[in-house]
Amino acid sequence: MAALLAIVNTFLTPIIQLIALPVTLITLGLFALVINTLMIMLVDALVDGFKIKNFWWALIFGIVMSLVSGILFRVF
């Protein structure tokens, strides 16, 4: 699951963020959370045994993942 999420975040997310740049600018960056949530839901659809109940749980997971990633980036 983690490997597929890393692959999706590395290759697919930047392309989608570039396409959605106007919407992201209008929403002052909040649409980036929606894109991150959609990528998590994509991984959920592709991986058996990894289940996210709905959009809101995926959004919370994405926020927590972003916070932990930011903290680890600053530490290391």
PDB file of N, CA and C in Angstrom:
ATOM      1  N   MET A   1       0.823  -1.176   0.000  1.00  0.00           N
ATOM      2  CA  MET A   1       0.000   0.000   0.000  1.00  0.00           C
ATOM      3  C   MET A   1       0.871   1.244   0.000  1.00  0.00           C
ATOM      4  N   ALA A   2       1.889   1.265   0.860  1.00  0.00           N
ATOM      5  CA  ALA A   2       2.743   2.448   0.958  1.00  0.00           C
ATOM      6  C   ALA A   2       3.521   2.672  -0.344  1.00  0.00           C
ATOM      7  N   ALA A   3       3.962   1.585  -0.961  1.00  0.00           N
ATOM      8  CA  ALA A   3       4.718   1.722  -2.205  1.00  0.00           C
ATOM      9  C   ALA A   3       3.835   2.283  -3.318  1.00  0.00           C
ATOM     10  N   LEU A   4       2.611   1.794  -3.420  1.00  0.00           N
ATOM     11  CA  LEU A   4       1.705   2.297  -4.450  1.00  0.00           C
ATOM     12  C   LEU A   4       1.341   3.758  -4.187  1.00  0.00           C
ATOM     13  N   LEU A   5       1.136   4.119  -2.928  1.00  0.00           N
ATOM     14  CA  LEU A   5       0.843   5.506  -2.587  1.00  0.00           C
ATOM     15  C   LEU A   5       2.026   6.408  -2.935  1.00  0.00           C
ATOM     16  N   ALA A   6       3.241   5.926  -2.706  1.00  0.00           N
ATOM     17  CA  ALA A   6       4.429   6.700  -3.065  1.00  0.00           C
ATOM     18  C   ALA A   6       4.540   6.875  -4.575  1.00  0.00           C
ATOM     19  N   ILE A   7       4.237   5.833  -5.319  1.00  0.00           N
ATOM     20  CA  ILE A   7       4.288   5.914  -6.786  1.00  0.00           C
ATOM     21  C   ILE A   7       3.237   6.890  -7.307  1.00  0.00           C
ATOM     22  N   VAL A   8       2.031   6.796  -6.764  1.00  0.00           N
ATOM     23  CA  VAL A   8       0.959   7.711  -7.178  1.00  0.00           C
ATOM     24  C   VAL A   8       1.332   9.149  -6.841  1.00  0.00           C
ATOM     25  N   ASN A   9       1.861   9.375  -5.637  1.00  0.00           N
ATOM     26  CA  ASN A   9       2.241  10.726  -5.228  1.00  0.00           C
ATOM     27  C   ASN A   9       3.421  11.258  -6.037  1.00  0.00           C
ATOM     28  N   THR A  10       4.287  10.385  -6.488  1.00  0.00           N
ATOM     29  CA  THR A  10       5.452  10.826  -7.246  1.00  0.00           C
ATOM     30  C   THR A  10       5.119  11.155  -8.697  1.00  0.00           C
ATOM     31  N   PHE A  11       4.306  10.339  -9.330  1.00  0.00           N
ATOM     32  CA  PHE A  11       4.095  10.489 -10.763  1.00  0.00           C
ATOM     33  C   PHE A  11       2.749  11.111 -11.145  1.00  0.00           C
ATOM     34  N   LEU A  12       1.683  10.726 -10.488  1.00  0.00           N
ATOM     35  CA  LEU A  12       0.353  11.164 -10.904  1.00  0.00           C
ATOM     36  C   LEU A  12      -0.063  12.487 -10.260  1.00  0.00           C
ATOM     37  N   THR A  13       0.245  12.670  -8.986  1.00  0.00           N
ATOM     38  CA  THR A  13      -0.187  13.871  -8.274  1.00  0.00           C
ATOM     39  C   THR A  13       0.354  15.162  -8.890  1.00  0.00           C
ATOM     40  N   PRO A  14       1.635  15.255  -9.259  1.00  0.00           N
ATOM     41  CA  PRO A  14       2.104  16.514  -9.863  1.00  0.00           C
ATOM     42  C   PRO A  14       1.389  16.868 -11.168  1.00  0.00           C
ATOM     43  N   ILE A  15       1.050  15.869 -11.961  1.00  0.00           N
ATOM     44  CA  ILE A  15       0.343  16.125 -13.221  1.00  0.00           C
ATOM     45  C   ILE A  15      -1.048  16.679 -12.936  1.00  0.00           C
ATOM     46  N   ILE A  16      -1.734  16.068 -11.989  1.00  0.00           N
ATOM     47  CA  ILE A  16      -3.085  16.521 -11.656  1.00  0.00           C
ATOM     48  C   ILE A  16      -3.044  17.895 -10.989  1.00  0.00           C
ATOM     49  N   GLN A  17      -2.035  18.150 -10.160  1.00  0.00           N
ATOM     50  CA  GLN A  17      -1.921  19.469  -9.538  1.00  0.00           C
ATOM     51  C   GLN A  17      -1.640  20.546 -10.578  1.00  0.00           C
ATOM     52  N   LEU A  18      -0.882  20.218 -11.597  1.00  0.00           N
ATOM     53  CA  LEU A  18      -0.622  21.177 -12.663  1.00  0.00           C
ATOM     54  C   LEU A  18      -1.898  21.483 -13.445  1.00  0.00           C
ATOM     55  N   ILE A  19      -2.671  20.452 -13.728  1.00  0.00           N
ATOM     56  CA  ILE A  19      -3.921  20.643 -14.452  1.00  0.00           C
ATOM     57  C   ILE A  19      -4.905  21.458 -13.608  1.00  0.00           C
ATOM     58  N   ALA A  20      -4.925  21.220 -12.303  1.00  0.00           N
ATOM     59  CA  ALA A  20      -5.876  21.890 -11.408  1.00  0.00           C
ATOM     60  C   ALA A  20      -5.318  23.177 -10.801  1.00  0.00           C
ATOM     61  N   LEU A  21      -4.224  23.676 -11.328  1.00  0.00           N
ATOM     62  CA  LEU A  21      -3.594  24.873 -10.766  1.00  0.00           C
ATOM     63  C   LEU A  21      -4.530  26.083 -10.677  1.00  0.00           C
ATOM     64  N   PRO A  22      -5.336  26.378 -11.690  1.00  0.00           N
ATOM     65  CA  PRO A  22      -6.240  27.533 -11.547  1.00  0.00           C
ATOM     66  C   PRO A  22      -7.224  27.384 -10.374  1.00  0.00           C
ATOM     67  N   VAL A  23      -7.786  26.195 -10.217  1.00  0.00           N
ATOM     68  CA  VAL A  23      -8.718  25.967  -9.106  1.00  0.00           C
ATOM     69  C   VAL A  23      -7.987  26.053  -7.777  1.00  0.00           C
ATOM     70  N   THR A  24      -6.771  25.524  -7.726  1.00  0.00           N
ATOM     71  CA  THR A  24      -5.980  25.576  -6.497  1.00  0.00           C
ATOM     72  C   THR A  24      -5.660  27.022  -6.125  1.00  0.00           C
ATOM     73  N   LEU A  25      -5.364  27.852  -7.094  1.00  0.00           N
ATOM     74  CA  LEU A  25      -5.093  29.263  -6.812  1.00  0.00           C
ATOM     75  C   LEU A  25      -6.340  29.982  -6.326  1.00  0.00           C
ATOM     76  N   ILE A  26      -7.475  29.687  -6.925  1.00  0.00           N
ATOM     77  CA  ILE A  26      -8.722  30.339  -6.519  1.00  0.00           C
ATOM     78  C   ILE A  26      -9.095  29.952  -5.083  1.00  0.00           C
ATOM     79  N   THR A  27      -8.851  28.699  -4.712  1.00  0.00           N
ATOM     80  CA  THR A  27      -9.203  28.240  -3.362  1.00  0.00           C
ATOM     81  C   THR A  27      -8.062  28.439  -2.371  1.00  0.00           C
ATOM     82  N   LEU A  28      -7.042  29.175  -2.776  1.00  0.00           N
ATOM     83  CA  LEU A  28      -5.883  29.464  -1.915  1.00  0.00           C
ATOM     84  C   LEU A  28      -5.187  28.196  -1.412  1.00  0.00           C
ATOM     85  N   GLY A  29      -5.117  27.199  -2.265  1.00  0.00           N
ATOM     86  CA  GLY A  29      -4.380  25.985  -1.955  1.00  0.00           C
ATOM     87  C   GLY A  29      -5.189  24.884  -1.316  1.00  0.00           C
ATOM     88  N   LEU A  30      -6.421  25.149  -0.945  1.00  0.00           N
ATOM     89  CA  LEU A  30      -7.216  24.112  -0.284  1.00  0.00           C
ATOM     90  C   LEU A  30      -7.596  22.972  -1.225  1.00  0.00           C
ATOM     91  N   PHE A  31      -7.637  23.248  -2.508  1.00  0.00           N
ATOM     92  CA  PHE A  31      -7.969  22.182  -3.460  1.00  0.00           C
ATOM     93  C   PHE A  31      -6.863  21.128  -3.516  1.00  0.00           C
ATOM     94  N   ALA A  32      -5.657  21.479  -3.085  1.00  0.00           N
ATOM     95  CA  ALA A  32      -4.577  20.493  -3.022  1.00  0.00           C
ATOM     96  C   ALA A  32      -4.928  19.370  -2.049  1.00  0.00           C
ATOM     97  N   LEU A  33      -5.664  19.690  -0.987  1.00  0.00           N
ATOM     98  CA  LEU A  33      -6.125  18.652  -0.063  1.00  0.00           C
ATOM     99  C   LEU A  33      -7.115  17.713  -0.740  1.00  0.00           C
ATOM    100  N   VAL A  34      -7.956  18.266  -1.594  1.00  0.00           N
ATOM    101  CA  VAL A  34      -8.914  17.438  -2.326  1.00  0.00           C
ATOM    102  C   VAL A  34      -8.176  16.513  -3.291  1.00  0.00           C
ATOM    103  N   ILE A  35      -7.165  17.025  -3.963  1.00  0.00           N
ATOM    104  CA  ILE A  35      -6.373  16.198  -4.874  1.00  0.00           C
ATOM    105  C   ILE A  35      -5.686  15.080  -4.098  1.00  0.00           C
ATOM    106  N   ASN A  36      -5.110  15.404  -2.951  1.00  0.00           N
ATOM    107  CA  ASN A  36      -4.464  14.396  -2.113  1.00  0.00           C
ATOM    108  C   ASN A  36      -5.477  13.340  -1.670  1.00  0.00           C
ATOM    109  N   THR A  37      -6.669  13.778  -1.317  1.00  0.00           N
ATOM    110  CA  THR A  37      -7.723  12.847  -0.911  1.00  0.00           C
ATOM    111  C   THR A  37      -8.117  11.925  -2.057  1.00  0.00           C
ATOM    112  N   LEU A  38      -8.234  12.472  -3.242  1.00  0.00           N
ATOM    113  CA  LEU A  38      -8.586  11.651  -4.399  1.00  0.00           C
ATOM    114  C   LEU A  38      -7.493  10.631  -4.722  1.00  0.00           C
ATOM    115  N   MET A  39      -6.235  10.996  -4.506  1.00  0.00           N
ATOM    116  CA  MET A  39      -5.139  10.043  -4.737  1.00  0.00           C
ATOM    117  C   MET A  39      -5.201   8.903  -3.707  1.00  0.00           C
ATOM    118  N   ILE A  40      -5.549   9.229  -2.480  1.00  0.00           N
ATOM    119  CA  ILE A  40      -5.700   8.192  -1.450  1.00  0.00           C
ATOM    120  C   ILE A  40      -6.859   7.269  -1.802  1.00  0.00           C
ATOM    121  N   MET A  41      -7.945   7.836  -2.304  1.00  0.00           N
ATOM    122  CA  MET A  41      -9.082   7.008  -2.704  1.00  0.00           C
ATOM    123  C   MET A  41      -8.752   6.153  -3.927  1.00  0.00           C
ATOM    124  N   LEU A  42      -7.889   6.645  -4.809  1.00  0.00           N
ATOM    125  CA  LEU A  42      -7.431   5.845  -5.948  1.00  0.00           C
ATOM    126  C   LEU A  42      -6.633   4.634  -5.463  1.00  0.00           C
ATOM    127  N   VAL A  43      -5.736   4.863  -4.510  1.00  0.00           N
ATOM    128  CA  VAL A  43      -4.967   3.752  -3.953  1.00  0.00           C
ATOM    129  C   VAL A  43      -5.900   2.777  -3.248  1.00  0.00           C
ATOM    130  N   ASP A  44      -6.922   3.282  -2.578  1.00  0.00           N
ATOM    131  CA  ASP A  44      -7.916   2.431  -1.927  1.00  0.00           C
ATOM    132  C   ASP A  44      -8.601   1.524  -2.943  1.00  0.00           C
ATOM    133  N   ALA A  45      -8.906   2.062  -4.117  1.00  0.00           N
ATOM    134  CA  ALA A  45      -9.568   1.265  -5.144  1.00  0.00           C
ATOM    135  C   ALA A  45      -8.629   0.212  -5.749  1.00  0.00           C
ATOM    136  N   LEU A  46      -7.333   0.485  -5.749  1.00  0.00           N
ATOM    137  CA  LEU A  46      -6.383  -0.431  -6.388  1.00  0.00           C
ATOM    138  C   LEU A  46      -5.845  -1.518  -5.465  1.00  0.00           C
ATOM    139  N   VAL A  47      -5.838  -1.275  -4.156  1.00  0.00           N
ATOM    140  CA  VAL A  47      -5.216  -2.214  -3.219  1.00  0.00           C
ATOM    141  C   VAL A  47      -6.296  -2.972  -2.450  1.00  0.00           C
ATOM    142  N   ASP A  48      -6.214  -4.296  -2.516  1.00  0.00           N
ATOM    143  CA  ASP A  48      -7.112  -5.122  -1.708  1.00  0.00           C
ATOM    144  C   ASP A  48      -6.631  -5.100  -0.264  1.00  0.00           C
ATOM    145  N   GLY A  49      -7.570  -5.049   0.661  1.00  0.00           N
ATOM    146  CA  GLY A  49      -7.221  -5.050   2.075  1.00  0.00           C
ATOM    147  C   GLY A  49      -7.002  -3.662   2.648  1.00  0.00           C
ATOM    148  N   PHE A  50      -7.041  -2.638   1.829  1.00  0.00           N
ATOM    149  CA  PHE A  50      -6.918  -1.254   2.283  1.00  0.00           C
ATOM    150  C   PHE A  50      -8.233  -0.575   1.951  1.00  0.00           C
ATOM    151  N   LYS A  51      -8.991  -0.209   2.972  1.00  0.00           N
ATOM    152  CA  LYS A  51     -10.334   0.321   2.740  1.00  0.00           C
ATOM    153  C   LYS A  51     -10.525   1.636   3.477  1.00  0.00           C
ATOM    154  N   ILE A  52     -10.919   2.654   2.742  1.00  0.00           N
ATOM    155  CA  ILE A  52     -11.293   3.950   3.301  1.00  0.00           C
ATOM    156  C   ILE A  52     -12.817   4.034   3.170  1.00  0.00           C
ATOM    157  N   LYS A  53     -13.495   4.371   4.274  1.00  0.00           N
ATOM    158  CA  LYS A  53     -14.962   4.376   4.265  1.00  0.00           C
ATOM    159  C   LYS A  53     -15.560   5.387   3.295  1.00  0.00           C
ATOM    160  N   ASN A  54     -15.105   6.624   3.376  1.00  0.00           N
ATOM    161  CA  ASN A  54     -15.701   7.653   2.529  1.00  0.00           C
ATOM    162  C   ASN A  54     -14.700   8.786   2.309  1.00  0.00           C
ATOM    163  N   PHE A  55     -15.150   9.812   1.611  1.00  0.00           N
ATOM    164  CA  PHE A  55     -14.290  10.940   1.263  1.00  0.00           C
ATOM    165  C   PHE A  55     -13.729  11.628   2.501  1.00  0.00           C
ATOM    166  N   TRP A  56     -14.543  11.783   3.541  1.00  0.00           N
ATOM    167  CA  TRP A  56     -14.123  12.533   4.726  1.00  0.00           C
ATOM    168  C   TRP A  56     -13.015  11.818   5.484  1.00  0.00           C
ATOM    169  N   TRP A  57     -13.085  10.484   5.585  1.00  0.00           N
ATOM    170  CA  TRP A  57     -12.005   9.738   6.239  1.00  0.00           C
ATOM    171  C   TRP A  57     -10.729   9.820   5.409  1.00  0.00           C
ATOM    172  N   ALA A  58     -10.869   9.805   4.099  1.00  0.00           N
ATOM    173  CA  ALA A  58      -9.692   9.955   3.238  1.00  0.00           C
ATOM    174  C   ALA A  58      -9.098  11.356   3.393  1.00  0.00           C
ATOM    175  N   LEU A  59      -9.945  12.372   3.557  1.00  0.00           N
ATOM    176  CA  LEU A  59      -9.465  13.735   3.766  1.00  0.00           C
ATOM    177  C   LEU A  59      -8.702  13.847   5.085  1.00  0.00           C
ATOM    178  N   ILE A  60      -9.240  13.259   6.142  1.00  0.00           N
ATOM    179  CA  ILE A  60      -8.551  13.265   7.441  1.00  0.00           C
ATOM    180  C   ILE A  60      -7.222  12.527   7.342  1.00  0.00           C
ATOM    181  N   PHE A  61      -7.233  11.373   6.664  1.00  0.00           N
ATOM    182  CA  PHE A  61      -5.999  10.618   6.474  1.00  0.00           C
ATOM    183  C   PHE A  61      -4.966  11.438   5.708  1.00  0.00           C
ATOM    184  N   GLY A  62      -5.416  12.158   4.689  1.00  0.00           N
ATOM    185  CA  GLY A  62      -4.511  12.997   3.904  1.00  0.00           C
ATOM    186  C   GLY A  62      -3.923  14.140   4.719  1.00  0.00           C
ATOM    187  N   ILE A  63      -4.739  14.756   5.569  1.00  0.00           N
ATOM    188  CA  ILE A  63      -4.243  15.839   6.423  1.00  0.00           C
ATOM    189  C   ILE A  63      -3.217  15.317   7.409  1.00  0.00           C
ATOM    190  N   VAL A  64      -3.519  14.190   8.043  1.00  0.00           N
ATOM    191  CA  VAL A  64      -2.572  13.597   8.995  1.00  0.00           C
ATOM    192  C   VAL A  64      -1.284  13.198   8.287  1.00  0.00           C
ATOM    193  N   MET A  65      -1.412  12.602   7.110  1.00  0.00           N
ATOM    194  CA  MET A  65      -0.239  12.202   6.348  1.00  0.00           C
ATOM    195  C   MET A  65       0.613  13.419   5.974  1.00  0.00           C
ATOM    196  N   SER A  66      -0.023  14.516   5.602  1.00  0.00           N
ATOM    197  CA  SER A  66       0.711  15.737   5.258  1.00  0.00           C
ATOM    198  C   SER A  66       1.424  16.313   6.484  1.00  0.00           C
ATOM    199  N   LEU A  67       0.752  16.316   7.622  1.00  0.00           N
ATOM    200  CA  LEU A  67       1.369  16.823   8.850  1.00  0.00           C
ATOM    201  C   LEU A  67       2.587  15.994   9.256  1.00  0.00           C
ATOM    202  N   VAL A  68       2.440  14.675   9.236  1.00  0.00           N
ATOM    203  CA  VAL A  68       3.546  13.799   9.599  1.00  0.00           C
ATOM    204  C   VAL A  68       4.689  13.941   8.611  1.00  0.00           C
ATOM    205  N   SER A  69       4.381  14.042   7.341  1.00  0.00           N
ATOM    206  CA  SER A  69       5.415  14.211   6.315  1.00  0.00           C
ATOM    207  C   SER A  69       6.168  15.523   6.526  1.00  0.00           C
ATOM    208  N   GLY A  70       5.429  16.594   6.818  1.00  0.00           N
ATOM    209  CA  GLY A  70       6.071  17.889   7.061  1.00  0.00           C
ATOM    210  C   GLY A  70       6.967  17.873   8.282  1.00  0.00           C
ATOM    211  N   ILE A  71       6.523  17.230   9.349  1.00  0.00           N
ATOM    212  CA  ILE A  71       7.335  17.122  10.567  1.00  0.00           C
ATOM    213  C   ILE A  71       8.599  16.313  10.296  1.00  0.00           C
ATOM    214  N   LEU A  72       8.446  15.182   9.614  1.00  0.00           N
ATOM    215  CA  LEU A  72       9.611  14.358   9.312  1.00  0.00           C
ATOM    216  C   LEU A  72      10.572  15.060   8.376  1.00  0.00           C
ATOM    217  N   PHE A  73      10.065  15.856   7.454  1.00  0.00           N
ATOM    218  CA  PHE A  73      10.916  16.600   6.539  1.00  0.00           C
ATOM    219  C   PHE A  73      11.750  17.628   7.305  1.00  0.00           C
ATOM    220  N   ARG A  74      11.143  18.269   8.280  1.00  0.00           N
ATOM    221  CA  ARG A  74      11.883  19.266   9.069  1.00  0.00           C
ATOM    222  C   ARG A  74      12.918  18.619  10.000  1.00  0.00           C
ATOM    223  N   VAL A  75      12.595  17.457  10.523  1.00  0.00           N
ATOM    224  CA  VAL A  75      13.502  16.766  11.440  1.00  0.00           C
ATOM    225  C   VAL A  75      14.711  16.203  10.698  1.00  0.00           C
ATOM    226  N   PHE A  76      14.444  15.579   9.546  1.00  0.00           N
ATOM    227  CA  PHE A  76      15.524  14.932   8.806  1.00  0.00           C
ATOM    228  C   PHE A  76      15.873  15.762   7.624  1.00  0.00           C
TER     229      PHE A  76
END
